[in-house]
PDB file of N, CA and C in Angstrom:
ATOM      1  N   MET A   1      60.820 158.380 146.173  1.00  0.00           N
ATOM      2  CA  MET A   1      60.239 158.497 144.846  1.00  0.00           C
ATOM      3  C   MET A   1      61.233 159.208 143.929  1.00  0.00           C
ATOM      4  N   VAL A   2      61.379 158.690 142.733  1.00  0.00           N
ATOM      5  CA  VAL A   2      62.282 159.256 141.739  1.00  0.00           C
ATOM      6  C   VAL A   2      61.517 160.300 140.930  1.00  0.00           C
ATOM      7  N   LYS A   3      62.172 161.429 140.682  1.00  0.00           N
ATOM      8  CA  LYS A   3      61.575 162.491 139.874  1.00  0.00           C
ATOM      9  C   LYS A   3      62.102 162.376 138.449  1.00  0.00           C
ATOM     10  N   LEU A   4      61.203 162.180 137.501  1.00  0.00           N
ATOM     11  CA  LEU A   4      61.526 162.113 136.086  1.00  0.00           C
ATOM     12  C   LEU A   4      60.987 163.376 135.439  1.00  0.00           C
ATOM     13  N   SER A   5      61.881 164.263 135.010  1.00  0.00           N
ATOM     14  CA  SER A   5      61.487 165.558 134.457  1.00  0.00           C
ATOM     15  C   SER A   5      61.743 165.594 132.959  1.00  0.00           C
ATOM     16  N   VAL A   6      60.760 166.110 132.228  1.00  0.00           N
ATOM     17  CA  VAL A   6      60.880 166.283 130.788  1.00  0.00           C
ATOM     18  C   VAL A   6      60.828 167.778 130.499  1.00  0.00           C
ATOM     19  N   CYS A   7      61.809 168.266 129.752  1.00  0.00           N
ATOM     20  CA  CYS A   7      61.850 169.677 129.389  1.00  0.00           C
ATOM     21  C   CYS A   7      60.712 169.981 128.414  1.00  0.00           C
ATOM     22  N   VAL A   8      60.001 171.072 128.654  1.00  0.00           N
ATOM     23  CA  VAL A   8      58.934 171.506 127.755  1.00  0.00           C
ATOM     24  C   VAL A   8      59.195 172.925 127.251  1.00  0.00           C
ATOM     25  N   GLY A   9      60.459 173.343 127.301  1.00  0.00           N
ATOM     26  CA  GLY A   9      60.826 174.636 126.738  1.00  0.00           C
ATOM     27  C   GLY A   9      60.604 174.627 125.223  1.00  0.00           C
ATOM     28  N   SER A  10      60.760 175.769 124.601  1.00  0.00           N
ATOM     29  CA  SER A  10      60.436 175.927 123.171  1.00  0.00           C
ATOM     30  C   SER A  10      61.113 174.891 122.285  1.00  0.00           C
ATOM     31  N   SER A  11      62.407 174.721 122.431  1.00  0.00           N
ATOM     32  CA  SER A  11      63.154 173.801 121.578  1.00  0.00           C
ATOM     33  C   SER A  11      62.695 172.355 121.790  1.00  0.00           C
ATOM     34  N   CYS A  12      62.583 171.945 123.032  1.00  0.00           N
ATOM     35  CA  CYS A  12      62.149 170.569 123.330  1.00  0.00           C
ATOM     36  C   CYS A  12      60.690 170.353 122.928  1.00  0.00           C
ATOM     37  N   HIS A  13      59.883 171.376 123.103  1.00  0.00           N
ATOM     38  CA  HIS A  13      58.479 171.287 122.688  1.00  0.00           C
ATOM     39  C   HIS A  13      58.401 170.959 121.198  1.00  0.00           C
ATOM     40  N   LEU A  14      59.192 171.672 120.395  1.00  0.00           N
ATOM     41  CA  LEU A  14      59.184 171.451 118.950  1.00  0.00           C
ATOM     42  C   LEU A  14      59.753 170.084 118.569  1.00  0.00           C
ATOM     43  N   ARG A  15      60.558 169.508 119.426  1.00  0.00           N
ATOM     44  CA  ARG A  15      61.170 168.196 119.147  1.00  0.00           C
ATOM     45  C   ARG A  15      60.353 167.023 119.695  1.00  0.00           C
ATOM     46  N   GLY A  16      59.192 167.301 120.280  1.00  0.00           N
ATOM     47  CA  GLY A  16      58.315 166.207 120.695  1.00  0.00           C
ATOM     48  C   GLY A  16      58.232 165.928 122.173  1.00  0.00           C
ATOM     49  N   ALA A  17      58.476 166.930 123.005  1.00  0.00           N
ATOM     50  CA  ALA A  17      58.445 166.719 124.460  1.00  0.00           C
ATOM     51  C   ALA A  17      57.124 166.126 124.939  1.00  0.00           C
ATOM     52  N   TYR A  18      56.011 166.597 124.394  1.00  0.00           N
ATOM     53  CA  TYR A  18      54.724 166.102 124.869  1.00  0.00           C
ATOM     54  C   TYR A  18      54.486 164.656 124.449  1.00  0.00           C
ATOM     55  N   ASP A  19      55.018 164.254 123.307  1.00  0.00           N
ATOM     56  CA  ASP A  19      54.933 162.839 122.911  1.00  0.00           C
ATOM     57  C   ASP A  19      55.737 161.974 123.879  1.00  0.00           C
ATOM     58  N   ILE A  20      56.896 162.459 124.278  1.00  0.00           N
ATOM     59  CA  ILE A  20      57.736 161.714 125.222  1.00  0.00           C
ATOM     60  C   ILE A  20      57.050 161.620 126.581  1.00  0.00           C
ATOM     61  N   ILE A  21      56.410 162.695 127.008  1.00  0.00           N
ATOM     62  CA  ILE A  21      55.652 162.644 128.265  1.00  0.00           C
ATOM     63  C   ILE A  21      54.578 161.568 128.175  1.00  0.00           C
ATOM     64  N   LYS A  22      53.862 161.508 127.069  1.00  0.00           N
ATOM     65  CA  LYS A  22      52.816 160.492 126.912  1.00  0.00           C
ATOM     66  C   LYS A  22      53.398 159.079 126.917  1.00  0.00           C
ATOM     67  N   ILE A  23      54.540 158.905 126.279  1.00  0.00           N
ATOM     68  CA  ILE A  23      55.210 157.589 126.282  1.00  0.00           C
ATOM     69  C   ILE A  23      55.580 157.199 127.712  1.00  0.00           C
ATOM     70  N   PHE A  24      56.200 158.137 128.447  1.00  0.00           N
ATOM     71  CA  PHE A  24      56.576 157.849 129.832  1.00  0.00           C
ATOM     72  C   PHE A  24      55.346 157.576 130.697  1.00  0.00           C
ATOM     73  N   GLU A  25      54.283 158.354 130.525  1.00  0.00           N
ATOM     74  CA  GLU A  25      53.054 158.114 131.300  1.00  0.00           C
ATOM     75  C   GLU A  25      52.534 156.698 131.057  1.00  0.00           C
ATOM     76  N   SER A  26      52.537 156.295 129.805  1.00  0.00           N
ATOM     77  CA  SER A  26      52.058 154.963 129.451  1.00  0.00           C
ATOM     78  C   SER A  26      52.926 153.867 130.071  1.00  0.00           C
ATOM     79  N   LEU A  27      54.241 154.037 130.015  1.00  0.00           N
ATOM     80  CA  LEU A  27      55.150 153.039 130.579  1.00  0.00           C
ATOM     81  C   LEU A  27      55.058 152.978 132.101  1.00  0.00           C
ATOM     82  N   ILE A  28      54.917 154.118 132.732  1.00  0.00           N
ATOM     83  CA  ILE A  28      54.759 154.148 134.200  1.00  0.00           C
ATOM     84  C   ILE A  28      53.510 153.368 134.590  1.00  0.00           C
ATOM     85  N   LYS A  29      52.431 153.591 133.855  1.00  0.00           N
ATOM     86  CA  LYS A  29      51.185 152.877 134.143  1.00  0.00           C
ATOM     87  C   LYS A  29      51.322 151.387 133.820  1.00  0.00           C
ATOM     88  N   GLN A  30      51.907 151.080 132.655  1.00  0.00           N
ATOM     89  CA  GLN A  30      52.068 149.687 132.231  1.00  0.00           C
ATOM     90  C   GLN A  30      52.848 148.869 133.256  1.00  0.00           C
ATOM     91  N   TYR A  31      53.904 149.441 133.800  1.00  0.00           N
ATOM     92  CA  TYR A  31      54.749 148.720 134.757  1.00  0.00           C
ATOM     93  C   TYR A  31      54.376 148.997 136.215  1.00  0.00           C
ATOM     94  N   LYS A  32      53.247 149.683 136.409  1.00  0.00           N
ATOM     95  CA  LYS A  32      52.710 149.954 137.751  1.00  0.00           C
ATOM     96  C   LYS A  32      53.739 150.645 138.659  1.00  0.00           C
ATOM     97  N   LEU A  33      54.329 151.713 138.135  1.00  0.00           N
ATOM     98  CA  LEU A  33      55.367 152.441 138.868  1.00  0.00           C
ATOM     99  C   LEU A  33      54.886 153.805 139.355  1.00  0.00           C
ATOM    100  N   GLU A  34      53.587 153.995 139.417  1.00  0.00           N
ATOM    101  CA  GLU A  34      53.034 155.293 139.825  1.00  0.00           C
ATOM    102  C   GLU A  34      53.491 155.721 141.214  1.00  0.00           C
ATOM    103  N   ASP A  35      53.751 154.767 142.090  1.00  0.00           N
ATOM    104  CA  ASP A  35      54.180 155.102 143.443  1.00  0.00           C
ATOM    105  C   ASP A  35      55.702 155.225 143.568  1.00  0.00           C
ATOM    106  N   LYS A  36      56.416 155.001 142.448  1.00  0.00           N
ATOM    107  CA  LYS A  36      57.879 155.068 142.478  1.00  0.00           C
ATOM    108  C   LYS A  36      58.463 156.196 141.622  1.00  0.00           C
ATOM    109  N   ILE A  37      57.714 156.633 140.593  1.00  0.00           N
ATOM    110  CA  ILE A  37      58.204 157.663 139.678  1.00  0.00           C
ATOM    111  C   ILE A  37      57.218 158.814 139.622  1.00  0.00           C
ATOM    112  N   LYS A  38      57.731 160.012 139.855  1.00  0.00           N
ATOM    113  CA  LYS A  38      56.925 161.219 139.714  1.00  0.00           C
ATOM    114  C   LYS A  38      57.339 161.901 138.418  1.00  0.00           C
ATOM    115  N   LEU A  39      56.451 161.922 137.431  1.00  0.00           N
ATOM    116  CA  LEU A  39      56.719 162.528 136.132  1.00  0.00           C
ATOM    117  C   LEU A  39      56.338 164.002 136.180  1.00  0.00           C
ATOM    118  N   THR A  40      57.292 164.862 135.840  1.00  0.00           N
ATOM    119  CA  THR A  40      57.046 166.301 135.863  1.00  0.00           C
ATOM    120  C   THR A  40      57.558 166.941 134.575  1.00  0.00           C
ATOM    121  N   ALA A  41      57.102 168.173 134.344  1.00  0.00           N
ATOM    122  CA  ALA A  41      57.598 168.983 133.238  1.00  0.00           C
ATOM    123  C   ALA A  41      58.525 170.043 133.816  1.00  0.00           C
ATOM    124  N   GLU A  42      59.518 170.430 133.033  1.00  0.00           N
ATOM    125  CA  GLU A  42      60.499 171.416 133.478  1.00  0.00           C
ATOM    126  C   GLU A  42      60.772 172.369 132.314  1.00  0.00           C
ATOM    127  N   PHE A  43      60.966 173.631 132.617  1.00  0.00           N
ATOM    128  CA  PHE A  43      61.266 174.602 131.571  1.00  0.00           C
ATOM    129  C   PHE A  43      62.758 174.777 131.410  1.00  0.00           C
ATOM    130  N   CYS A  44      63.230 174.541 130.232  1.00  0.00           N
ATOM    131  CA  CYS A  44      64.598 174.712 129.759  1.00  0.00           C
ATOM    132  C   CYS A  44      65.672 174.128 130.671  1.00  0.00           C
ATOM    133  N   CYS A  45      66.255 173.061 130.184  1.00  0.00           N
ATOM    134  CA  CYS A  45      67.366 172.401 130.870  1.00  0.00           C
ATOM    135  C   CYS A  45      68.711 172.889 130.337  1.00  0.00           C
ATOM    136  N   GLY A  46      68.682 173.843 129.402  1.00  0.00           N
ATOM    137  CA  GLY A  46      69.923 174.388 128.863  1.00  0.00           C
ATOM    138  C   GLY A  46      70.638 173.458 127.899  1.00  0.00           C
ATOM    139  N   ASN A  47      69.908 172.571 127.266  1.00  0.00           N
ATOM    140  CA  ASN A  47      70.487 171.595 126.341  1.00  0.00           C
ATOM    141  C   ASN A  47      69.763 171.700 124.997  1.00  0.00           C
ATOM    142  N   CYS A  48      69.532 172.927 124.562  1.00  0.00           N
ATOM    143  CA  CYS A  48      68.604 173.234 123.473  1.00  0.00           C
ATOM    144  C   CYS A  48      69.016 172.764 122.088  1.00  0.00           C
ATOM    145  N   THR A  49      70.263 172.389 121.890  1.00  0.00           N
ATOM    146  CA  THR A  49      70.690 171.934 120.566  1.00  0.00           C
ATOM    147  C   THR A  49      70.546 170.425 120.401  1.00  0.00           C
ATOM    148  N   GLN A  50      70.129 169.744 121.442  1.00  0.00           N
ATOM    149  CA  GLN A  50      69.990 168.291 121.435  1.00  0.00           C
ATOM    150  C   GLN A  50      68.513 167.907 121.381  1.00  0.00           C
ATOM    151  N   PRO A  51      68.215 166.599 121.244  1.00  0.00           N
ATOM    152  CA  PRO A  51      66.814 166.169 121.347  1.00  0.00           C
ATOM    153  C   PRO A  51      66.225 166.538 122.710  1.00  0.00           C
ATOM    154  N   VAL A  52      65.045 166.121 122.994  1.00  0.00           N
ATOM    155  CA  VAL A  52      64.334 166.491 124.220  1.00  0.00           C
ATOM    156  C   VAL A  52      65.166 166.137 125.448  1.00  0.00           C
ATOM    157  N   SER A  53      65.281 167.093 126.358  1.00  0.00           N
ATOM    158  CA  SER A  53      66.063 166.899 127.582  1.00  0.00           C
ATOM    159  C   SER A  53      65.214 166.273 128.674  1.00  0.00           C
ATOM    160  N   VAL A  54      65.796 165.290 129.333  1.00  0.00           N
ATOM    161  CA  VAL A  54      65.137 164.570 130.422  1.00  0.00           C
ATOM    162  C   VAL A  54      66.112 164.495 131.589  1.00  0.00           C
ATOM    163  N   LYS A  55      65.600 164.687 132.804  1.00  0.00           N
ATOM    164  CA  LYS A  55      66.422 164.533 133.996  1.00  0.00           C
ATOM    165  C   LYS A  55      65.808 163.464 134.893  1.00  0.00           C
ATOM    166  N   ILE A  56      66.683 162.758 135.594  1.00  0.00           N
ATOM    167  CA  ILE A  56      66.258 161.808 136.619  1.00  0.00           C
ATOM    168  C   ILE A  56      66.806 162.359 137.921  1.00  0.00           C
ATOM    169  N   ASP A  57      65.909 162.803 138.785  1.00  0.00           N
ATOM    170  CA  ASP A  57      66.281 163.568 139.970  1.00  0.00           C
ATOM    171  C   ASP A  57      67.157 164.736 139.495  1.00  0.00           C
ATOM    172  N   GLN A  58      68.382 164.838 139.950  1.00  0.00           N
ATOM    173  CA  GLN A  58      69.257 165.930 139.510  1.00  0.00           C
ATOM    174  C   GLN A  58      70.274 165.475 138.467  1.00  0.00           C
ATOM    175  N   ASN A  59      70.116 164.253 137.955  1.00  0.00           N
ATOM    176  CA  ASN A  59      71.044 163.711 136.962  1.00  0.00           C
ATOM    177  C   ASN A  59      70.583 164.034 135.553  1.00  0.00           C
ATOM    178  N   GLY A  60      71.502 164.405 134.710  1.00  0.00           N
ATOM    179  CA  GLY A  60      71.193 164.731 133.334  1.00  0.00           C
ATOM    180  C   GLY A  60      71.559 166.172 133.052  1.00  0.00           C
ATOM    181  N   PRO A  61      71.133 166.711 131.970  1.00  0.00           N
ATOM    182  CA  PRO A  61      70.062 166.194 131.118  1.00  0.00           C
ATOM    183  C   PRO A  61      70.538 165.099 130.171  1.00  0.00           C
ATOM    184  N   PHE A  62      69.613 164.169 129.926  1.00  0.00           N
ATOM    185  CA  PHE A  62      69.791 163.129 128.938  1.00  0.00           C
ATOM    186  C   PHE A  62      68.996 163.547 127.707  1.00  0.00           C
ATOM    187  N   SER A  63      69.453 163.184 126.534  1.00  0.00           N
ATOM    188  CA  SER A  63      68.748 163.500 125.296  1.00  0.00           C
ATOM    189  C   SER A  63      67.908 162.306 124.875  1.00  0.00           C
ATOM    190  N   VAL A  64      66.595 162.544 124.713  1.00  0.00           N
ATOM    191  CA  VAL A  64      65.658 161.468 124.412  1.00  0.00           C
ATOM    192  C   VAL A  64      64.833 161.859 123.180  1.00  0.00           C
ATOM    193  N   THR A  65      64.595 160.881 122.325  1.00  0.00           N
ATOM    194  CA  THR A  65      63.740 161.078 121.158  1.00  0.00           C
ATOM    195  C   THR A  65      62.507 160.188 121.286  1.00  0.00           C
ATOM    196  N   ARG A  66      61.537 160.417 120.411  1.00  0.00           N
ATOM    197  CA  ARG A  66      60.351 159.546 120.404  1.00  0.00           C
ATOM    198  C   ARG A  66      60.775 158.097 120.170  1.00  0.00           C
ATOM    199  N   GLU A  67      61.765 157.918 119.309  1.00  0.00           N
ATOM    200  CA  GLU A  67      62.195 156.574 118.935  1.00  0.00           C
ATOM    201  C   GLU A  67      62.921 155.832 120.050  1.00  0.00           C
ATOM    202  N   ASN A  68      63.634 156.542 120.925  1.00  0.00           N
ATOM    203  CA  ASN A  68      64.381 155.832 121.974  1.00  0.00           C
ATOM    204  C   ASN A  68      63.817 156.037 123.379  1.00  0.00           C
ATOM    205  N   ALA A  69      62.662 156.666 123.494  1.00  0.00           N
ATOM    206  CA  ALA A  69      62.087 156.938 124.821  1.00  0.00           C
ATOM    207  C   ALA A  69      61.810 155.648 125.600  1.00  0.00           C
ATOM    208  N   GLY A  70      61.265 154.645 124.943  1.00  0.00           N
ATOM    209  CA  GLY A  70      60.983 153.377 125.617  1.00  0.00           C
ATOM    210  C   GLY A  70      62.253 152.685 126.080  1.00  0.00           C
ATOM    211  N   GLU A  71      63.263 152.677 125.233  1.00  0.00           N
ATOM    212  CA  GLU A  71      64.548 152.073 125.579  1.00  0.00           C
ATOM    213  C   GLU A  71      65.198 152.825 126.750  1.00  0.00           C
ATOM    214  N   PHE A  72      65.137 154.151 126.718  1.00  0.00           N
ATOM    215  CA  PHE A  72      65.677 154.970 127.808  1.00  0.00           C
ATOM    216  C   PHE A  72      64.975 154.618 129.122  1.00  0.00           C
ATOM    217  N   PHE A  73      63.657 154.577 129.087  1.00  0.00           N
ATOM    218  CA  PHE A  73      62.875 154.272 130.288  1.00  0.00           C
ATOM    219  C   PHE A  73      63.246 152.907 130.848  1.00  0.00           C
ATOM    220  N   LYS A  74      63.289 151.922 129.983  1.00  0.00           N
ATOM    221  CA  LYS A  74      63.613 150.563 130.433  1.00  0.00           C
ATOM    222  C   LYS A  74      65.018 150.488 131.012  1.00  0.00           C
ATOM    223  N   LYS A  75      65.966 151.173 130.388  1.00  0.00           N
ATOM    224  CA  LYS A  75      67.348 151.154 130.866  1.00  0.00           C
ATOM    225  C   LYS A  75      67.463 151.738 132.278  1.00  0.00           C
ATOM    226  N   TYR A  76      66.796 152.846 132.533  1.00  0.00           N
ATOM    227  CA  TYR A  76      66.961 153.535 133.815  1.00  0.00           C
ATOM    228  C   TYR A  76      65.963 153.122 134.892  1.00  0.00           C
ATOM    229  N   PHE A  77      64.846 152.499 134.509  1.00  0.00           N
ATOM    230  CA  PHE A  77      63.841 152.180 135.518  1.00  0.00           C
ATOM    231  C   PHE A  77      63.488 150.700 135.630  1.00  0.00           C
ATOM    232  N   LEU A  78      63.834 149.902 134.647  1.00  0.00           N
ATOM    233  CA  LEU A  78      63.494 148.491 134.727  1.00  0.00           C
ATOM    234  C   LEU A  78      64.707 147.581 134.847  1.00  0.00           C
ATOM    235  N   GLU A  79      65.852 148.036 134.412  1.00  0.00           N
ATOM    236  CA  GLU A  79      67.067 147.213 134.461  1.00  0.00           C
ATOM    237  C   GLU A  79      67.936 147.554 135.655  1.00  0.00           C
ATOM    238  N   VAL A  80      67.363 148.146 136.658  1.00  0.00           N
ATOM    239  CA  VAL A  80      68.148 148.579 137.833  1.00  0.00           C
ATOM    240  C   VAL A  80      68.400 147.410 138.749  1.00  0.00           C
TER     241      VAL A  80
END
């Protein structure tokens, strides 16, 4: 199972971390990936000057916005 972590520290929270979590939850359900992706929250990835930080297992942090969250998800989980 792949661990998809979204930072919910202060900076990421203000930049829309919870919206990104909801987008990822919806996409995981839409593509029936509940048994393949574990979505978690993480406190501070140390990337506070960028958009919301996301990690895939120990890779990242990647910077994700509300606008590119779907594209990010599709790139890393559907185009593999």
